[in-house]
């Protein structure tokens, strides 16, 4: 205990920053303060919560789309007490809260602003009621950049959020807004100024929402199309210059980065042809090393949280040989990024 007091308790922001930067091994030893005698201490970066306002918005959207309003036992039965119980049962020291698909965006700007604020304040209440157990990736009322900037100020300066949650894409009447869209540049510039963490989650999962739903008969979209949704979001950020313009944002992508690890060769080739190695590499390199520089820099900049599937739960976990054995080498940062159990 004396040693723990001398080391000091790391803040949630320390934990999120270190995890995103790939310093999981360093933090694993410091997490003893959060769990007492329990070991190991896990940090769940993909920890959803379901405020009443969010569930009500889901029900209204279902009715508008002539779907059943019932959300299923998992959502209807969620409670603060149950999420704490599940954390304790699975050895999770800290859960960083974020709302699930589709975030606060249901097609209406005013509703999105109200819902983002209500969800963020609900999370802040959980943080106050259970000190040290929760952090927050704040919901943003995107794709409206002005509203998002106002919520960023409130989330960080008033609620002391640890980062923000951003969806892979936003469907509007005018089309689809991807995160690399020029209209969202001011949002990422502000996050970069604050050296914030940006946690990316699937924004669209249903066949009617995805750009390529129901492609193969008998194959659920969640198996093949939703990973590509995450991939498109990441490529949107890369090829539109968002990553290179905002080097101080700590990007975290769920679902193991979609299919980016498998497509890394193609992505690197295109980045090389566009000259992006000059933006992504730490310093000028010879032409023969440029492609490797891009791939290395991508691994350093992006943290991928892999999932075991929504039916079994998903966690980004620090440390452990069992965790390492289940994550492909391509999905891990060489310096011990968040891992999967």
Protein backbone atom coordinates (compact mmCIF):
# COMPACT_ATOMS: atom_id res chain seq x y z
CA UNK A 1 0.00 0.00 0.00
CA UNK A 2 2.84 2.37 0.79
CA UNK A 3 4.27 1.75 -2.67
CA UNK A 4 0.89 2.52 -4.25
CA UNK A 5 0.64 5.80 -2.37
CA UNK A 6 4.13 6.77 -3.48
CA UNK A 7 3.31 6.02 -7.09
CA UNK A 8 0.07 7.98 -6.95
CA UNK A 9 -3.24 7.11 -8.58
CA UNK A 10 -3.25 7.65 -12.33
CA UNK A 11 -6.11 9.75 -13.61
CA UNK A 12 -8.57 8.43 -16.18
CA UNK A 13 -6.99 10.73 -18.76
CA UNK A 14 -3.57 9.25 -17.99
CA UNK A 15 -5.01 5.80 -18.57
CA UNK A 16 -6.78 6.67 -21.82
CA UNK A 17 -3.77 8.56 -23.15
CA UNK A 18 -1.36 5.77 -22.29
CA UNK A 19 -3.63 3.09 -23.71
CA UNK A 20 -4.06 4.95 -26.98
CA UNK A 21 -0.33 5.55 -27.19
CA UNK A 22 0.40 1.86 -26.68
CA UNK A 23 1.69 1.93 -23.12
CA UNK A 24 -0.55 -0.82 -21.77
CA UNK A 25 2.26 -2.77 -20.18
CA UNK A 26 3.29 0.25 -18.12
CA UNK A 27 -0.22 0.86 -16.83
CA UNK A 28 -0.95 -2.74 -15.94
CA UNK A 29 1.21 -2.47 -12.82
CA UNK A 30 -0.36 0.79 -11.70
CA UNK A 31 -3.95 -0.41 -11.82
CA UNK A 32 -3.73 -2.22 -8.50
CA UNK A 33 -4.99 0.92 -6.74
CA UNK A 34 -8.29 0.72 -8.63
CA UNK A 35 -9.09 -2.88 -7.70
CA UNK A 36 -7.40 -3.50 -4.37
CA UNK A 37 -6.61 -7.18 -4.17
CA UNK A 38 -8.31 -8.03 -7.46
CA UNK A 39 -6.08 -8.82 -10.41
CA UNK A 40 -5.67 -8.14 -13.22
CA UNK A 41 -7.02 -4.62 -13.60
CA UNK A 42 -8.73 -4.21 -16.95
CA UNK A 43 -9.63 -0.99 -18.72
CA UNK A 44 -12.71 -1.31 -20.87
CA UNK A 45 -12.46 1.35 -23.58
CA UNK A 46 -15.56 0.01 -25.36
CA UNK A 47 -18.05 0.27 -22.50
CA UNK A 48 -21.58 1.24 -23.54
CA UNK A 49 -24.22 2.76 -21.31
CA UNK A 50 -27.90 3.24 -22.15
CA UNK A 51 -29.50 6.33 -20.62
CA UNK A 52 -33.32 6.49 -20.71
CA UNK A 53 -33.19 9.38 -23.20
CA UNK A 54 -31.10 7.29 -25.60
CA UNK A 55 -33.42 4.28 -25.35
CA UNK A 56 -36.44 6.54 -25.92
CA UNK A 57 -34.79 7.92 -29.06
CA UNK A 58 -34.19 4.35 -30.26
CA UNK A 59 -37.86 3.50 -29.75
CA UNK A 60 -39.09 6.60 -31.58
CA UNK A 61 -36.78 5.83 -34.50
CA UNK A 62 -38.10 2.26 -34.65
CA UNK A 63 -41.69 3.48 -34.79
CA UNK A 64 -40.86 5.98 -37.55
CA UNK A 65 -39.37 3.12 -39.56
CA UNK A 66 -42.35 0.82 -38.85
CA UNK A 67 -40.19 -1.52 -36.79
CA UNK A 68 -41.05 -3.06 -33.39
CA UNK A 69 -40.33 -0.60 -30.60
CA UNK A 70 -39.03 -3.32 -28.28
CA UNK A 71 -35.24 -3.07 -28.02
CA UNK A 72 -34.47 -6.51 -26.63
CA UNK A 73 -33.67 -7.76 -23.15
CA UNK A 74 -30.04 -6.62 -23.17
CA UNK A 75 -30.95 -2.96 -23.68
CA UNK A 76 -34.24 -2.88 -21.83
CA UNK A 77 -32.64 -4.56 -18.82
CA UNK A 78 -29.57 -2.34 -18.60
CA UNK A 79 -28.97 -0.48 -15.34
CA UNK A 80 -26.12 1.21 -13.51
CA UNK A 81 -26.13 -1.51 -10.88
CA UNK A 82 -25.92 -4.28 -13.45
CA UNK A 83 -23.03 -2.68 -15.31
CA UNK A 84 -21.07 -2.35 -12.05
CA UNK A 85 -21.85 -5.99 -11.25
CA UNK A 86 -20.66 -7.08 -14.71
CA UNK A 87 -17.45 -5.06 -14.33
CA UNK A 88 -16.68 -6.64 -10.97
CA UNK A 89 -17.46 -10.12 -12.27
CA UNK A 90 -15.07 -9.70 -15.20
CA UNK A 91 -12.27 -7.93 -13.35
CA UNK A 92 -12.77 -4.56 -15.08
CA UNK A 93 -11.34 -1.72 -13.03
CA UNK A 94 -12.46 1.19 -15.20
CA UNK A 95 -15.04 1.51 -17.95
CA UNK A 96 -14.85 4.44 -20.35
CA UNK A 97 -18.49 5.20 -21.14
CA UNK A 98 -19.83 5.78 -24.64
CA UNK A 99 -23.25 5.41 -26.22
CA UNK A 100 -23.73 2.84 -28.94
CA UNK A 101 -24.95 3.00 -32.54
CA UNK A 102 -26.02 5.43 -33.94
CA UNK A 103 -24.77 7.82 -31.28
CA UNK A 104 -27.08 10.80 -30.71
CA UNK A 105 -27.80 11.16 -34.45
CA UNK A 106 -31.31 10.15 -35.55
CA UNK A 107 -31.56 12.57 -38.46
CA UNK A 108 -32.54 15.74 -36.60
CA UNK A 109 -30.02 18.38 -35.50
CA UNK A 110 -32.07 19.74 -32.58
CA UNK A 111 -32.75 16.26 -31.23
CA UNK A 112 -29.08 15.37 -31.62
CA UNK A 113 -27.95 18.38 -29.57
CA UNK A 114 -30.43 17.65 -26.79
CA UNK A 115 -29.68 13.93 -26.74
CA UNK A 116 -25.90 14.36 -26.69
CA UNK A 117 -26.15 16.72 -23.71
CA UNK A 118 -28.53 14.45 -21.78
CA UNK A 119 -26.37 11.39 -22.37
CA UNK A 120 -23.18 13.19 -21.37
CA UNK A 121 -24.73 14.51 -18.17
CA UNK A 122 -26.04 11.03 -17.35
CA UNK A 123 -22.50 9.66 -17.73
CA UNK A 124 -21.09 12.45 -15.58
CA UNK A 125 -23.57 11.46 -12.86
CA UNK A 126 -22.31 7.86 -13.05
CA UNK A 127 -18.76 9.14 -12.68
CA UNK A 128 -19.72 11.15 -9.59
CA UNK A 129 -21.68 8.28 -8.03
CA UNK A 130 -18.86 5.75 -8.59
CA UNK A 131 -15.53 7.61 -8.27
CA UNK A 132 -12.67 5.94 -10.10
CA UNK A 133 -14.82 3.38 -11.91
CA UNK A 134 -15.91 5.31 -14.99
CA UNK A 135 -14.58 7.73 -17.57
CA UNK A 136 -16.34 9.30 -20.53
CA UNK A 137 -16.01 9.45 -24.29
CA UNK A 138 -18.50 12.26 -24.75
CA UNK A 139 -21.24 12.04 -27.36
CA UNK A 140 -21.12 14.76 -30.01
CA UNK A 141 -24.10 16.12 -32.01
CA UNK A 142 -22.45 15.44 -35.34
CA UNK A 143 -22.65 15.94 -38.29
CA UNK A 144 -23.32 19.55 -37.21
CA UNK A 145 -19.80 20.97 -36.63
CA UNK A 146 -20.92 24.09 -34.73
CA UNK A 147 -23.06 22.10 -32.32
CA UNK A 148 -20.23 19.59 -31.89
CA UNK A 149 -17.77 22.35 -31.01
CA UNK A 150 -20.10 23.68 -28.32
CA UNK A 151 -20.51 20.21 -26.85
CA UNK A 152 -16.74 19.65 -26.89
CA UNK A 153 -16.28 22.77 -24.77
CA UNK A 154 -18.96 21.65 -22.31
CA UNK A 155 -17.81 18.03 -22.16
CA UNK A 156 -14.16 18.82 -21.47
CA UNK A 157 -14.40 22.02 -19.46
CA UNK A 158 -17.48 21.22 -17.34
CA UNK A 159 -17.90 17.45 -17.30
CA UNK A 160 -14.16 16.65 -17.51
CA UNK A 161 -14.57 14.04 -20.23
CA UNK A 162 -11.64 11.83 -21.21
CA UNK A 163 -12.28 12.06 -24.94
CA UNK A 164 -15.08 12.03 -27.47
CA UNK A 165 -17.00 9.32 -29.28
CA UNK A 166 -17.42 9.72 -33.05
CA UNK A 167 -19.44 7.51 -35.36
CA UNK A 168 -17.98 6.01 -38.53
CA UNK A 169 -20.50 7.89 -40.68
CA UNK A 170 -23.67 9.94 -40.52
CA UNK A 171 -26.53 9.41 -42.95
CA UNK A 172 -28.34 12.63 -43.93
CA UNK A 173 -30.89 13.61 -46.55
CA UNK A 174 -28.01 15.01 -48.60
CA UNK A 175 -26.00 11.79 -48.47
CA UNK A 176 -23.38 10.35 -46.13
CA UNK A 177 -20.97 12.41 -44.05
CA UNK A 178 -17.73 10.51 -43.35
CA UNK A 179 -15.36 11.69 -40.60
CA UNK A 180 -12.79 12.98 -43.10
CA UNK A 181 -15.37 15.31 -44.68
CA UNK A 182 -14.13 18.89 -45.01
CA UNK A 183 -17.12 20.17 -43.03
CA UNK A 184 -15.83 18.40 -39.91
CA UNK A 185 -12.29 19.83 -40.13
CA UNK A 186 -12.95 22.46 -37.39
CA UNK A 187 -14.06 19.70 -35.02
CA UNK A 188 -10.84 17.73 -35.46
CA UNK A 189 -8.77 20.92 -35.25
CA UNK A 190 -10.27 21.61 -31.81
CA UNK A 191 -9.71 18.04 -30.67
CA UNK A 192 -6.12 18.33 -31.86
CA UNK A 193 -5.68 21.58 -29.91
CA UNK A 194 -6.90 19.81 -26.79
CA UNK A 195 -4.74 16.72 -27.50
CA UNK A 196 -7.92 14.70 -27.07
CA UNK A 197 -8.72 11.03 -27.54
CA UNK A 198 -11.20 10.28 -30.34
CA UNK A 199 -12.99 6.93 -30.03
CA UNK A 200 -14.63 5.71 -33.24
CA UNK A 201 -17.67 3.45 -33.21
CA UNK A 202 -19.90 2.00 -35.91
CA UNK A 203 -22.53 4.55 -36.81
CA UNK A 204 -24.63 2.35 -39.08
CA UNK A 205 -25.25 -1.38 -38.79
CA UNK A 206 -28.63 -2.22 -40.33
CA UNK A 207 -29.03 -3.31 -43.95
CA UNK A 208 -31.19 -0.27 -44.68
CA UNK A 209 -28.48 2.04 -43.34
CA UNK A 210 -25.28 0.56 -44.72
CA UNK A 211 -24.16 1.59 -48.17
CA UNK A 212 -23.81 -2.09 -49.13
CA UNK A 213 -26.50 -3.91 -47.15
CA UNK A 214 -27.88 -7.33 -48.09
CA UNK A 215 -25.10 -7.97 -50.61
CA UNK A 216 -24.98 -11.76 -50.26
CA UNK A 217 -28.15 -13.72 -49.56
CA UNK A 218 -28.00 -15.52 -46.23
CA UNK A 219 -24.94 -13.61 -44.97
CA UNK A 220 -25.71 -11.18 -42.11
CA UNK A 221 -24.35 -7.69 -42.71
CA UNK A 222 -22.73 -7.64 -39.27
CA UNK A 223 -20.27 -10.34 -40.45
CA UNK A 224 -18.85 -8.60 -43.52
CA UNK A 225 -20.30 -5.15 -44.13
CA UNK A 226 -19.95 -3.51 -40.73
CA UNK A 227 -16.15 -4.09 -40.64
CA UNK A 228 -15.95 -2.38 -44.02
CA UNK A 229 -17.91 0.56 -42.59
CA UNK A 230 -15.09 1.06 -40.06
CA UNK A 231 -12.47 0.67 -42.79
CA UNK A 232 -14.12 3.36 -44.94
CA UNK A 233 -14.14 5.73 -41.98
CA UNK A 234 -10.42 5.21 -41.35
CA UNK A 235 -9.55 5.65 -45.02
CA UNK A 236 -11.69 8.80 -45.06
CA UNK A 237 -9.53 10.22 -42.27
CA UNK A 238 -6.29 9.13 -43.94
CA UNK A 239 -6.86 10.10 -47.56
CA UNK A 240 -8.56 13.41 -46.77
CA UNK A 241 -5.62 14.48 -44.61
CA UNK A 242 -7.37 14.48 -41.21
CA UNK A 243 -4.76 12.19 -39.64
CA UNK A 244 -1.78 14.17 -40.89
CA UNK A 245 -3.29 17.57 -40.01
CA UNK A 246 -4.05 16.50 -36.44
CA UNK A 247 -1.02 14.68 -35.04
CA UNK A 248 -2.00 15.27 -31.40
CA UNK A 249 -5.34 13.45 -31.52
CA UNK A 250 -5.22 9.94 -30.06
CA UNK A 251 -7.34 7.91 -32.49
CA UNK A 252 -8.95 4.72 -31.17
CA UNK A 253 -10.95 2.45 -33.52
CA UNK A 254 -13.28 -0.34 -32.41
CA UNK A 255 -13.87 -3.63 -34.21
CA UNK A 256 -10.11 -4.18 -34.66
CA UNK A 257 -9.95 -1.34 -37.16
CA UNK A 258 -12.36 -3.10 -39.49
CA UNK A 259 -10.49 -4.68 -42.38
CA UNK A 260 -7.58 -2.22 -42.27
CA UNK A 261 -5.06 -4.84 -41.04
CA UNK A 262 -5.90 -7.10 -43.99
CA UNK A 263 -5.92 -4.22 -46.49
CA UNK A 264 -2.85 -2.48 -45.11
CA UNK A 265 -0.76 -3.33 -48.18
CA UNK A 266 -3.25 -1.73 -50.56
CA UNK A 267 -3.76 1.25 -48.28
CA UNK A 268 -0.01 1.77 -47.92
CA UNK A 269 0.45 1.58 -51.69
CA UNK A 270 -2.19 4.26 -52.28
CA UNK A 271 -0.75 6.44 -49.52
CA UNK A 272 2.68 6.11 -51.13
CA UNK A 273 1.32 7.09 -54.55
CA UNK A 274 -0.33 10.17 -53.05
CA UNK A 275 2.80 11.23 -51.22
CA UNK A 276 1.25 10.69 -47.80
CA UNK A 277 4.44 9.10 -46.51
CA UNK A 278 5.77 12.65 -46.09
CA UNK A 279 2.86 13.41 -43.77
CA UNK A 280 2.87 10.16 -41.82
CA UNK A 281 6.58 9.47 -41.42
CA UNK A 282 8.44 11.02 -38.51
CA UNK A 283 11.25 12.31 -40.75
CA UNK A 284 12.25 12.19 -44.43
CA UNK A 285 13.23 8.73 -45.55
CA UNK A 286 14.70 7.28 -48.67
CA UNK A 287 12.26 6.22 -51.36
CA UNK A 288 13.01 2.54 -50.82
CA UNK A 289 11.84 2.86 -47.19
CA UNK A 290 8.86 5.11 -47.75
CA UNK A 291 6.23 2.40 -47.86
CA UNK A 292 7.49 0.84 -44.65
CA UNK A 293 7.47 4.31 -43.07
CA UNK A 294 3.78 4.74 -43.87
CA UNK A 295 2.86 1.35 -42.42
CA UNK A 296 4.96 1.93 -39.30
CA UNK A 297 3.47 5.36 -38.76
CA UNK A 298 -0.06 4.04 -39.16
CA UNK A 299 0.60 1.44 -36.49
CA UNK A 300 1.97 4.11 -34.18
CA UNK A 301 -0.92 6.53 -34.73
CA UNK A 302 -3.89 4.19 -34.56
CA UNK A 303 -5.02 1.92 -31.75
CA UNK A 304 -7.36 -0.88 -32.74
CA UNK A 305 -9.71 -2.42 -30.16
CA UNK A 306 -10.82 -5.87 -31.26
CA UNK A 307 -14.19 -7.33 -30.32
CA UNK A 308 -15.37 -10.82 -29.54
CA UNK A 309 -18.80 -10.06 -30.97
CA UNK A 310 -21.75 -8.13 -29.60
CA UNK A 311 -23.44 -11.32 -28.42
CA UNK A 312 -20.54 -12.08 -26.04
CA UNK A 313 -19.31 -8.62 -25.15
CA UNK A 314 -16.18 -6.74 -26.13
CA UNK A 315 -13.26 -5.37 -24.19
CA UNK A 316 -10.00 -3.61 -24.75
CA UNK A 317 -7.76 -5.12 -22.10
CA UNK A 318 -4.24 -4.39 -20.97
CA UNK A 319 -1.65 -7.13 -20.84
CA UNK A 320 -1.58 -10.90 -20.46
CA UNK A 321 -0.18 -13.68 -22.68
CA UNK A 322 -3.66 -15.09 -23.29
CA UNK A 323 -4.76 -11.71 -24.62
CA UNK A 324 -1.73 -11.41 -26.86
CA UNK A 325 -2.30 -14.85 -28.35
CA UNK A 326 -5.77 -13.88 -29.59
CA UNK A 327 -4.81 -10.69 -31.40
CA UNK A 328 -3.19 -10.87 -34.85
CA UNK A 329 0.19 -9.21 -35.01
CA UNK A 330 -1.13 -6.75 -37.59
CA UNK A 331 -3.79 -5.52 -35.13
CA UNK A 332 -1.30 -4.63 -32.41
CA UNK A 333 0.99 -1.71 -31.90
CA UNK A 334 4.55 -2.96 -31.41
CA UNK A 335 4.63 -1.12 -28.06
CA UNK A 336 1.76 -3.06 -26.44
CA UNK A 337 -1.43 -1.34 -27.55
CA UNK A 338 -4.78 -2.15 -25.88
CA UNK A 339 -5.34 -5.87 -26.22
CA UNK A 340 -8.25 -8.25 -26.33
CA UNK A 341 -9.26 -10.98 -23.95
